[in-house]
Amino acid sequence: MDCTLFLVSNLDKETLKSIIYEIVCDTVEDKVTNYEDFSRLSCKYFTLDIETEDIISIDFLREEYGMKINAEIGIQLFGKLFEEGLEVLFKIFGNILMVFNPDMVFVENGTDQIFRKENATVIINTKLDQYQKKYLSNKIITSLRYPYIFEQLSN
C-alpha cells in the first residue's frame, strides 16, 4: 500500500526528522534503519520517506487541503505484514499528534483522504471504498489517541 502523510509543522526540518525517527523507534518493536540523514526510515513493516524541501505540487496540495503543508511523508507498507504494519503506523501518527500536534492529512493512492487533523479534531472520511473501510477499524482509529468525528471528505 502506498500512502502519504502531509504535515503542517512549525519545527525546522532537522528537528522534524529527528523527532519522527525517535517516535518510529519508540513505537516499532524492532530495528529501524535510517538513511540519508533521517530522510528515509525503514523497518519490517514499512519505509517512510520524509520530504521537507522538494514537495511535488506543493502549491496544489496547499490549495487542495486548505493547509500550509510543509512536510510530506511517503509511506510504503509491506504487503506481508500489512495489517500489523498499519496498526503500528497509526500508533506512530498518534504519537506524532501527542508530541508536536501538527495539522495533517493522510491519503492513500495520492488523493483518497483517509483522515485529516485540523485544529483540535481528527476527521475520519466516511467516503471510503470497501477496502479502506475494512482496514480503518475502530481499533486503528482510537490508536490516534485524539478526539475524532466522521465526515465526508473530498477525494
C-alpha atoms as a PDB file:
ATOM      1  CA  MET A   1       0.000   0.000   0.000  1.00  0.00           C
ATOM      2  CA  ASP A   2       1.294   3.433  -0.942  1.00  0.00           C
ATOM      3  CA  CYS A   3       0.118   6.343   1.141  1.00  0.00           C
ATOM      4  CA  THR A   4       1.237   9.788   2.213  1.00  0.00           C
ATOM      5  CA  LEU A   5       1.043  11.847   5.365  1.00  0.00           C
ATOM      6  CA  PHE A   6       1.155  15.600   4.764  1.00  0.00           C
ATOM      7  CA  LEU A   7       2.095  17.715   7.784  1.00  0.00           C
ATOM      8  CA  VAL A   8       1.887  21.338   8.821  1.00  0.00           C
ATOM      9  CA  SER A   9       4.737  21.708  11.278  1.00  0.00           C
ATOM     10  CA  ASN A  10       6.484  24.629  12.924  1.00  0.00           C
ATOM     11  CA  LEU A  11       9.604  22.502  13.544  1.00  0.00           C
ATOM     12  CA  ASP A  12      12.726  23.020  11.462  1.00  0.00           C
ATOM     13  CA  LYS A  13      13.413  20.179   9.027  1.00  0.00           C
ATOM     14  CA  GLU A  14      16.234  18.547  11.013  1.00  0.00           C
ATOM     15  CA  THR A  15      14.271  18.603  14.270  1.00  0.00           C
ATOM     16  CA  LEU A  16      11.195  17.233  12.499  1.00  0.00           C
ATOM     17  CA  LYS A  17      13.144  14.314  11.006  1.00  0.00           C
ATOM     18  CA  SER A  18      14.869  13.585  14.308  1.00  0.00           C
ATOM     19  CA  ILE A  19      11.618  13.592  16.291  1.00  0.00           C
ATOM     20  CA  ILE A  20       9.863  11.370  13.746  1.00  0.00           C
ATOM     21  CA  TYR A  21      12.814   8.953  13.880  1.00  0.00           C
ATOM     22  CA  GLU A  22      12.581   8.836  17.691  1.00  0.00           C
ATOM     23  CA  ILE A  23       8.817   8.284  17.550  1.00  0.00           C
ATOM     24  CA  VAL A  24       9.186   5.481  14.997  1.00  0.00           C
ATOM     25  CA  CYS A  25      11.947   3.818  17.054  1.00  0.00           C
ATOM     26  CA  ASP A  26       9.853   4.039  20.232  1.00  0.00           C
ATOM     27  CA  THR A  27       6.754   2.639  18.509  1.00  0.00           C
ATOM     28  CA  VAL A  28       8.230  -0.116  16.339  1.00  0.00           C
ATOM     29  CA  GLU A  29       9.313  -3.029  18.472  1.00  0.00           C
ATOM     30  CA  ASP A  30      12.106  -3.959  16.085  1.00  0.00           C
ATOM     31  CA  LYS A  31      15.088  -2.413  14.331  1.00  0.00           C
ATOM     32  CA  VAL A  32      14.577   0.880  12.496  1.00  0.00           C
ATOM     33  CA  THR A  33      17.230   1.905   9.987  1.00  0.00           C
ATOM     34  CA  ASN A  34      17.715   5.488   8.848  1.00  0.00           C
ATOM     35  CA  TYR A  35      19.235   6.635   5.581  1.00  0.00           C
ATOM     36  CA  GLU A  36      20.177   9.996   4.090  1.00  0.00           C
ATOM     37  CA  ASP A  37      20.274  11.936   7.376  1.00  0.00           C
ATOM     38  CA  PHE A  38      16.928  10.591   8.620  1.00  0.00           C
ATOM     39  CA  SER A  39      15.131  11.321   5.326  1.00  0.00           C
ATOM     40  CA  ARG A  40      14.344   7.607   4.899  1.00  0.00           C
ATOM     41  CA  LEU A  41      13.352   5.286   7.708  1.00  0.00           C
ATOM     42  CA  SER A  42      12.859   1.582   7.223  1.00  0.00           C
ATOM     43  CA  CYS A  43      11.622  -1.275   9.391  1.00  0.00           C
ATOM     44  CA  LYS A  44       9.988  -4.659   8.854  1.00  0.00           C
ATOM     45  CA  TYR A  45       6.548  -3.062   8.311  1.00  0.00           C
ATOM     46  CA  PHE A  46       7.190  -0.088   6.038  1.00  0.00           C
ATOM     47  CA  THR A  47       9.515   2.517   4.608  1.00  0.00           C
ATOM     48  CA  LEU A  48       8.969   6.204   5.334  1.00  0.00           C
ATOM     49  CA  ASP A  49      10.418   8.888   3.048  1.00  0.00           C
ATOM     50  CA  ILE A  50      10.395  12.303   4.732  1.00  0.00           C
ATOM     51  CA  GLU A  51      10.493  15.278   2.376  1.00  0.00           C
ATOM     52  CA  THR A  52      10.701  18.838   3.637  1.00  0.00           C
ATOM     53  CA  GLU A  53      12.149  20.730   0.679  1.00  0.00           C
ATOM     54  CA  ASP A  54      11.131  19.349  -2.714  1.00  0.00           C
ATOM     55  CA  ILE A  55       7.476  18.503  -2.173  1.00  0.00           C
ATOM     56  CA  ILE A  56       5.939  17.886  -5.580  1.00  0.00           C
ATOM     57  CA  SER A  57       2.949  20.129  -6.373  1.00  0.00           C
ATOM     58  CA  ILE A  58       3.163  21.882  -3.002  1.00  0.00           C
ATOM     59  CA  ASP A  59       1.005  24.827  -4.120  1.00  0.00           C
ATOM     60  CA  PHE A  60      -1.684  22.457  -5.404  1.00  0.00           C
ATOM     61  CA  LEU A  61      -1.602  20.427  -2.155  1.00  0.00           C
ATOM     62  CA  ARG A  62      -1.895  23.537  -0.016  1.00  0.00           C
ATOM     63  CA  GLU A  63      -4.879  24.732  -2.016  1.00  0.00           C
ATOM     64  CA  GLU A  64      -6.495  21.279  -2.230  1.00  0.00           C
ATOM     65  CA  TYR A  65      -6.351  20.620   1.516  1.00  0.00           C
ATOM     66  CA  GLY A  66      -6.518  24.215   2.756  1.00  0.00           C
ATOM     67  CA  MET A  67      -3.410  23.776   4.880  1.00  0.00           C
ATOM     68  CA  LYS A  68       0.085  25.246   4.814  1.00  0.00           C
ATOM     69  CA  ILE A  69       1.687  21.833   4.263  1.00  0.00           C
ATOM     70  CA  ASN A  70       5.458  21.881   4.670  1.00  0.00           C
ATOM     71  CA  ALA A  71       6.362  18.216   5.095  1.00  0.00           C
ATOM     72  CA  GLU A  72       5.460  15.065   3.209  1.00  0.00           C
ATOM     73  CA  ILE A  73       5.989  11.530   4.454  1.00  0.00           C
ATOM     74  CA  GLY A  74       5.670   8.943   1.701  1.00  0.00           C
ATOM     75  CA  ILE A  75       4.813   5.534   3.138  1.00  0.00           C
ATOM     76  CA  GLN A  76       5.238   2.123   1.552  1.00  0.00           C
ATOM     77  CA  LEU A  77       3.557  -0.540   3.688  1.00  0.00           C
ATOM     78  CA  PHE A  78       4.821  -4.060   3.036  1.00  0.00           C
ATOM     79  CA  GLY A  79       2.087  -6.481   1.980  1.00  0.00           C
ATOM     80  CA  LYS A  80       3.168  -9.452   4.077  1.00  0.00           C
ATOM     81  CA  LEU A  81       2.761  -7.535   7.328  1.00  0.00           C
ATOM     82  CA  PHE A  82       0.163  -5.032   6.100  1.00  0.00           C
ATOM     83  CA  GLU A  83      -2.396  -5.241   8.915  1.00  0.00           C
ATOM     84  CA  GLU A  84       0.193  -5.284  11.694  1.00  0.00           C
ATOM     85  CA  GLY A  85       2.137  -2.514   9.955  1.00  0.00           C
ATOM     86  CA  LEU A  86      -0.970  -0.353   9.607  1.00  0.00           C
ATOM     87  CA  GLU A  87      -1.638  -0.656  13.338  1.00  0.00           C
ATOM     88  CA  VAL A  88       1.940   0.394  14.096  1.00  0.00           C
ATOM     89  CA  LEU A  89       1.666   3.263  11.604  1.00  0.00           C
ATOM     90  CA  PHE A  90      -1.476   4.651  13.254  1.00  0.00           C
ATOM     91  CA  LYS A  91       0.211   4.403  16.666  1.00  0.00           C
ATOM     92  CA  ILE A  92       3.057   6.456  15.159  1.00  0.00           C
ATOM     93  CA  PHE A  93       0.518   9.022  13.907  1.00  0.00           C
ATOM     94  CA  GLY A  94      -0.994   9.152  17.410  1.00  0.00           C
ATOM     95  CA  ASN A  95       2.450   9.665  18.918  1.00  0.00           C
ATOM     96  CA  ILE A  96       3.192  12.447  16.417  1.00  0.00           C
ATOM     97  CA  LEU A  97      -0.053  14.127  17.489  1.00  0.00           C
ATOM     98  CA  MET A  98       0.874  13.778  21.174  1.00  0.00           C
ATOM     99  CA  VAL A  99       4.459  15.039  20.738  1.00  0.00           C
ATOM    100  CA  PHE A 100       4.123  18.087  18.472  1.00  0.00           C
ATOM    101  CA  ASN A 101       0.446  18.203  17.430  1.00  0.00           C
ATOM    102  CA  PRO A 102       0.678  19.156  13.743  1.00  0.00           C
ATOM    103  CA  ASP A 103      -2.268  19.519  11.432  1.00  0.00           C
ATOM    104  CA  MET A 104      -2.089  16.631   8.950  1.00  0.00           C
ATOM    105  CA  VAL A 105      -3.761  14.839   6.073  1.00  0.00           C
ATOM    106  CA  PHE A 106      -3.362  11.094   5.485  1.00  0.00           C
ATOM    107  CA  VAL A 107      -4.078   9.999   1.900  1.00  0.00           C
ATOM    108  CA  GLU A 108      -3.979   6.731   0.024  1.00  0.00           C
ATOM    109  CA  ASN A 109      -3.371   6.413  -3.712  1.00  0.00           C
ATOM    110  CA  GLY A 110      -2.334  10.049  -3.909  1.00  0.00           C
ATOM    111  CA  THR A 111      -5.790  11.562  -3.463  1.00  0.00           C
ATOM    112  CA  ASP A 112      -8.074   9.476  -1.226  1.00  0.00           C
ATOM    113  CA  GLN A 113      -8.259  11.277   2.129  1.00  0.00           C
ATOM    114  CA  ILE A 114      -8.443   8.681   4.873  1.00  0.00           C
ATOM    115  CA  PHE A 115      -8.344  11.211   7.684  1.00  0.00           C
ATOM    116  CA  ARG A 116      -7.226  14.733   8.405  1.00  0.00           C
ATOM    117  CA  LYS A 117      -6.456  16.542  11.623  1.00  0.00           C
ATOM    118  CA  GLU A 118      -7.229  20.237  11.812  1.00  0.00           C
ATOM    119  CA  ASN A 119      -7.301  22.424  14.876  1.00  0.00           C
ATOM    120  CA  ALA A 120      -8.313  20.098  17.706  1.00  0.00           C
ATOM    121  CA  THR A 121     -10.151  17.342  15.821  1.00  0.00           C
ATOM    122  CA  VAL A 122      -9.378  14.362  13.637  1.00  0.00           C
ATOM    123  CA  ILE A 123     -11.896  13.957  10.813  1.00  0.00           C
ATOM    124  CA  ILE A 124     -12.320  10.395   9.574  1.00  0.00           C
ATOM    125  CA  ASN A 125     -13.563  10.235   5.986  1.00  0.00           C
ATOM    126  CA  THR A 126     -16.901   8.453   5.528  1.00  0.00           C
ATOM    127  CA  LYS A 127     -16.458   8.366   1.744  1.00  0.00           C
ATOM    128  CA  LEU A 128     -14.163   5.345   1.556  1.00  0.00           C
ATOM    129  CA  ASP A 129     -14.177   2.297  -0.684  1.00  0.00           C
ATOM    130  CA  GLN A 130     -14.960  -1.125   0.804  1.00  0.00           C
ATOM    131  CA  TYR A 131     -11.282  -1.984   1.154  1.00  0.00           C
ATOM    132  CA  GLN A 132     -10.468   1.233   3.027  1.00  0.00           C
ATOM    133  CA  LYS A 133     -13.492   0.797   5.310  1.00  0.00           C
ATOM    134  CA  LYS A 134     -12.312  -2.714   6.153  1.00  0.00           C
ATOM    135  CA  TYR A 135      -8.867  -1.695   7.346  1.00  0.00           C
ATOM    136  CA  LEU A 136      -9.944   1.555   9.049  1.00  0.00           C
ATOM    137  CA  SER A 137     -11.290  -0.202  12.140  1.00  0.00           C
ATOM    138  CA  ASN A 138     -12.253   1.464  15.414  1.00  0.00           C
ATOM    139  CA  LYS A 139      -9.132  -0.057  16.983  1.00  0.00           C
ATOM    140  CA  ILE A 140      -6.951   1.667  14.369  1.00  0.00           C
ATOM    141  CA  ILE A 141      -8.770   4.991  14.737  1.00  0.00           C
ATOM    142  CA  THR A 142      -8.577   5.021  18.539  1.00  0.00           C
ATOM    143  CA  SER A 143      -4.813   4.423  18.364  1.00  0.00           C
ATOM    144  CA  LEU A 144      -4.563   8.048  17.178  1.00  0.00           C
ATOM    145  CA  ARG A 145      -5.473   8.988  20.786  1.00  0.00           C
ATOM    146  CA  TYR A 146      -7.204  12.137  19.630  1.00  0.00           C
ATOM    147  CA  PRO A 147     -10.842  13.325  19.515  1.00  0.00           C
ATOM    148  CA  TYR A 148     -12.388  12.385  16.180  1.00  0.00           C
ATOM    149  CA  ILE A 149     -15.551  12.768  14.169  1.00  0.00           C
ATOM    150  CA  PHE A 150     -16.813  11.130  10.992  1.00  0.00           C
ATOM    151  CA  GLU A 151     -17.455  13.354   7.993  1.00  0.00           C
ATOM    152  CA  GLN A 152     -17.371  13.069   4.219  1.00  0.00           C
ATOM    153  CA  LEU A 153     -14.106  14.457   2.846  1.00  0.00           C
ATOM    154  CA  SER A 154     -13.364  15.156  -0.805  1.00  0.00           C
ATOM    155  CA  ASN A 155     -11.229  12.706  -2.758  1.00  0.00           C
END
